[in-house]
Amino acid sequence: MSPLATLIPMFQARYPEFNAAGLAQVQAAIQDCMIQTDNGTSANGPVWPAGWDDLAVLKLAAHTIAMSPGGNPMRIKAADGTVTTTYKQEYDRMVAQVAGAARPILGIATDPNYPWNWGP
């Protein structure tokens, strides 16, 4: 995974819609998401394919900022009342591509029939 000093300009270039968010908010979101994505590794080796770890952090950081109080215009409200963002939808697609149907990712087993299911 790239260092924070590299991820910030990558975020700003990829998501100019967040320029008004301010550097401190962008930096905090990226740092939080670096932790949430386990810095791209697990006890069993890399979770993300090469280059995907940075992209995962950036998408999750964009979602985090969009879900903050000032990000209301970027949210999507589903018919069932749930709220998400296109950034989270893109992140979820990446997770699905990497995880497959029954592979643990980010500490959560995706198949509830597996004995090591740590999921909700």
C-alpha atoms as a PDB file:
ATOM      1  CA  MET A   1       0.000   0.000   0.000  1.00  0.00           C
ATOM      2  CA  SER A   2       1.209   3.461  -0.823  1.00  0.00           C
ATOM      3  CA  PRO A   3       2.053   5.863   2.002  1.00  0.00           C
ATOM      4  CA  LEU A   4      -0.446   8.491   3.122  1.00  0.00           C
ATOM      5  CA  ALA A   5       1.563  11.258   1.447  1.00  0.00           C
ATOM      6  CA  THR A   6       0.996   9.499  -1.896  1.00  0.00           C
ATOM      7  CA  LEU A   7      -2.640   8.546  -1.299  1.00  0.00           C
ATOM      8  CA  ILE A   8      -3.808  12.104  -0.587  1.00  0.00           C
ATOM      9  CA  PRO A   9      -2.915  13.522  -4.035  1.00  0.00           C
ATOM     10  CA  MET A  10      -4.245  10.328  -5.645  1.00  0.00           C
ATOM     11  CA  PHE A  11      -7.561  10.901  -3.842  1.00  0.00           C
ATOM     12  CA  GLN A  12      -7.674  14.564  -4.859  1.00  0.00           C
ATOM     13  CA  ALA A  13      -7.019  13.710  -8.511  1.00  0.00           C
ATOM     14  CA  ARG A  14      -9.534  10.855  -8.609  1.00  0.00           C
ATOM     15  CA  TYR A  15     -12.298  12.619  -6.659  1.00  0.00           C
ATOM     16  CA  PRO A  16     -12.187  16.391  -7.305  1.00  0.00           C
ATOM     17  CA  GLU A  17     -15.766  16.604  -6.037  1.00  0.00           C
ATOM     18  CA  PHE A  18     -14.259  16.455  -2.543  1.00  0.00           C
ATOM     19  CA  ASN A  19     -11.946  19.462  -2.935  1.00  0.00           C
ATOM     20  CA  ALA A  20     -14.195  21.475  -0.613  1.00  0.00           C
ATOM     21  CA  ALA A  21     -13.884  18.822   2.098  1.00  0.00           C
ATOM     22  CA  GLY A  22     -10.496  20.102   3.197  1.00  0.00           C
ATOM     23  CA  LEU A  23      -7.166  18.370   3.558  1.00  0.00           C
ATOM     24  CA  ALA A  24      -7.624  17.416   7.228  1.00  0.00           C
ATOM     25  CA  GLN A  25     -10.895  15.579   6.523  1.00  0.00           C
ATOM     26  CA  VAL A  26      -9.438  13.789   3.502  1.00  0.00           C
ATOM     27  CA  GLN A  27      -6.342  12.772   5.457  1.00  0.00           C
ATOM     28  CA  ALA A  28      -8.395  11.493   8.402  1.00  0.00           C
ATOM     29  CA  ALA A  29     -10.697   9.498   6.116  1.00  0.00           C
ATOM     30  CA  ILE A  30      -7.783   7.918   4.277  1.00  0.00           C
ATOM     31  CA  GLN A  31      -6.023   7.018   7.532  1.00  0.00           C
ATOM     32  CA  ASP A  32      -9.203   5.427   8.915  1.00  0.00           C
ATOM     33  CA  CYS A  33      -9.736   3.460   5.724  1.00  0.00           C
ATOM     34  CA  MET A  34      -6.130   2.257   5.660  1.00  0.00           C
ATOM     35  CA  ILE A  35      -6.870   0.632   9.015  1.00  0.00           C
ATOM     36  CA  GLN A  36     -10.282  -0.691   7.928  1.00  0.00           C
ATOM     37  CA  THR A  37      -8.831  -2.370   4.860  1.00  0.00           C
ATOM     38  CA  ASP A  38      -6.112  -3.926   7.031  1.00  0.00           C
ATOM     39  CA  ASN A  39      -3.461  -2.144   4.960  1.00  0.00           C
ATOM     40  CA  GLY A  40      -4.046  -4.715   2.232  1.00  0.00           C
ATOM     41  CA  THR A  41      -2.706  -7.735   4.115  1.00  0.00           C
ATOM     42  CA  SER A  42      -3.926 -10.538   6.326  1.00  0.00           C
ATOM     43  CA  ALA A  43      -2.339 -13.426   8.201  1.00  0.00           C
ATOM     44  CA  ASN A  44      -2.797 -15.507   5.035  1.00  0.00           C
ATOM     45  CA  GLY A  45      -1.054 -13.026   2.741  1.00  0.00           C
ATOM     46  CA  PRO A  46      -2.262 -10.138   0.607  1.00  0.00           C
ATOM     47  CA  VAL A  47      -6.000  -9.591   0.486  1.00  0.00           C
ATOM     48  CA  TRP A  48      -6.014  -7.292  -2.524  1.00  0.00           C
ATOM     49  CA  PRO A  49      -4.417  -7.924  -5.930  1.00  0.00           C
ATOM     50  CA  ALA A  50      -1.480  -5.667  -6.765  1.00  0.00           C
ATOM     51  CA  GLY A  51      -2.576  -2.036  -6.954  1.00  0.00           C
ATOM     52  CA  TRP A  52      -6.080  -2.705  -5.653  1.00  0.00           C
ATOM     53  CA  ASP A  53      -5.250  -1.893  -2.032  1.00  0.00           C
ATOM     54  CA  ASP A  54      -4.781   1.808  -2.829  1.00  0.00           C
ATOM     55  CA  LEU A  55      -7.957   1.885  -4.902  1.00  0.00           C
ATOM     56  CA  ALA A  56      -9.931   0.189  -2.121  1.00  0.00           C
ATOM     57  CA  VAL A  57      -8.729   2.753   0.421  1.00  0.00           C
ATOM     58  CA  LEU A  58      -9.596   5.654  -1.880  1.00  0.00           C
ATOM     59  CA  LYS A  59     -13.108   4.375  -2.633  1.00  0.00           C
ATOM     60  CA  LEU A  60     -13.826   3.702   1.028  1.00  0.00           C
ATOM     61  CA  ALA A  61     -12.453   7.142   1.993  1.00  0.00           C
ATOM     62  CA  ALA A  62     -14.710   8.789  -0.601  1.00  0.00           C
ATOM     63  CA  HIS A  63     -17.674   6.907   0.846  1.00  0.00           C
ATOM     64  CA  THR A  64     -16.694   7.944   4.377  1.00  0.00           C
ATOM     65  CA  ILE A  65     -16.550  11.628   3.442  1.00  0.00           C
ATOM     66  CA  ALA A  66     -19.770  11.402   1.427  1.00  0.00           C
ATOM     67  CA  MET A  67     -21.543   9.929   4.466  1.00  0.00           C
ATOM     68  CA  SER A  68     -20.347  12.801   6.660  1.00  0.00           C
ATOM     69  CA  PRO A  69     -22.768  15.687   7.336  1.00  0.00           C
ATOM     70  CA  GLY A  70     -21.521  17.752   4.384  1.00  0.00           C
ATOM     71  CA  GLY A  71     -21.722  14.870   1.921  1.00  0.00           C
ATOM     72  CA  ASN A  72     -25.515  14.652   1.662  1.00  0.00           C
ATOM     73  CA  PRO A  73     -25.683  15.499  -2.089  1.00  0.00           C
ATOM     74  CA  MET A  74     -23.513  12.457  -2.877  1.00  0.00           C
ATOM     75  CA  ARG A  75     -25.699   9.905  -1.114  1.00  0.00           C
ATOM     76  CA  ILE A  76     -28.086   7.450  -2.714  1.00  0.00           C
ATOM     77  CA  LYS A  77     -31.273   6.466  -0.896  1.00  0.00           C
ATOM     78  CA  ALA A  78     -32.683   3.080  -1.861  1.00  0.00           C
ATOM     79  CA  ALA A  79     -36.381   2.235  -1.918  1.00  0.00           C
ATOM     80  CA  ASP A  80     -35.983   0.314   1.348  1.00  0.00           C
ATOM     81  CA  GLY A  81     -34.637   3.444   3.044  1.00  0.00           C
ATOM     82  CA  THR A  82     -30.987   2.416   3.223  1.00  0.00           C
ATOM     83  CA  VAL A  83     -28.426   5.039   2.304  1.00  0.00           C
ATOM     84  CA  THR A  84     -25.164   4.426   0.470  1.00  0.00           C
ATOM     85  CA  THR A  85     -22.899   6.026  -2.123  1.00  0.00           C
ATOM     86  CA  THR A  86     -21.594   5.072  -5.533  1.00  0.00           C
ATOM     87  CA  TYR A  87     -18.142   4.908  -3.928  1.00  0.00           C
ATOM     88  CA  LYS A  88     -19.313   2.206  -1.494  1.00  0.00           C
ATOM     89  CA  GLN A  89     -21.031   0.324  -4.305  1.00  0.00           C
ATOM     90  CA  GLU A  90     -17.752   0.332  -6.252  1.00  0.00           C
ATOM     91  CA  TYR A  91     -15.841  -0.789  -3.135  1.00  0.00           C
ATOM     92  CA  ASP A  92     -18.349  -3.605  -2.549  1.00  0.00           C
ATOM     93  CA  ARG A  93     -17.903  -4.773  -6.156  1.00  0.00           C
ATOM     94  CA  MET A  94     -14.138  -4.892  -5.603  1.00  0.00           C
ATOM     95  CA  VAL A  95     -14.606  -6.921  -2.407  1.00  0.00           C
ATOM     96  CA  ALA A  96     -16.917  -9.348  -4.227  1.00  0.00           C
ATOM     97  CA  GLN A  97     -14.380  -9.808  -7.022  1.00  0.00           C
ATOM     98  CA  VAL A  98     -11.583 -10.521  -4.572  1.00  0.00           C
ATOM     99  CA  ALA A  99     -13.580 -12.547  -2.049  1.00  0.00           C
ATOM    100  CA  GLY A 100     -15.480 -14.871  -4.324  1.00  0.00           C
ATOM    101  CA  ALA A 101     -18.279 -16.920  -2.795  1.00  0.00           C
ATOM    102  CA  ALA A 102     -16.558 -18.505   0.186  1.00  0.00           C
ATOM    103  CA  ARG A 103     -13.211 -16.851   0.851  1.00  0.00           C
ATOM    104  CA  PRO A 104     -12.646 -14.892   4.062  1.00  0.00           C
ATOM    105  CA  ILE A 105     -11.737 -11.266   3.404  1.00  0.00           C
ATOM    106  CA  LEU A 106     -10.978  -8.526   5.864  1.00  0.00           C
ATOM    107  CA  GLY A 107     -11.676 -10.916   8.746  1.00  0.00           C
ATOM    108  CA  ILE A 108     -15.214 -11.823   7.650  1.00  0.00           C
ATOM    109  CA  ALA A 109     -16.154 -15.159   6.086  1.00  0.00           C
ATOM    110  CA  THR A 110     -18.569 -14.732   3.213  1.00  0.00           C
ATOM    111  CA  ASP A 111     -20.150 -18.181   3.551  1.00  0.00           C
ATOM    112  CA  PRO A 112     -22.260 -18.619   6.716  1.00  0.00           C
ATOM    113  CA  ASN A 113     -21.816 -22.420   6.546  1.00  0.00           C
ATOM    114  CA  TYR A 114     -18.082 -22.257   7.182  1.00  0.00           C
ATOM    115  CA  PRO A 115     -17.056 -23.021  10.778  1.00  0.00           C
ATOM    116  CA  TRP A 116     -14.761 -19.978  10.924  1.00  0.00           C
ATOM    117  CA  ASN A 117     -17.545 -17.554  10.088  1.00  0.00           C
ATOM    118  CA  TRP A 118     -16.770 -14.365  11.999  1.00  0.00           C
ATOM    119  CA  GLY A 119     -19.501 -12.449  10.212  1.00  0.00           C
ATOM    120  CA  PRO A 120     -22.501 -10.749  11.735  1.00  0.00           C
END
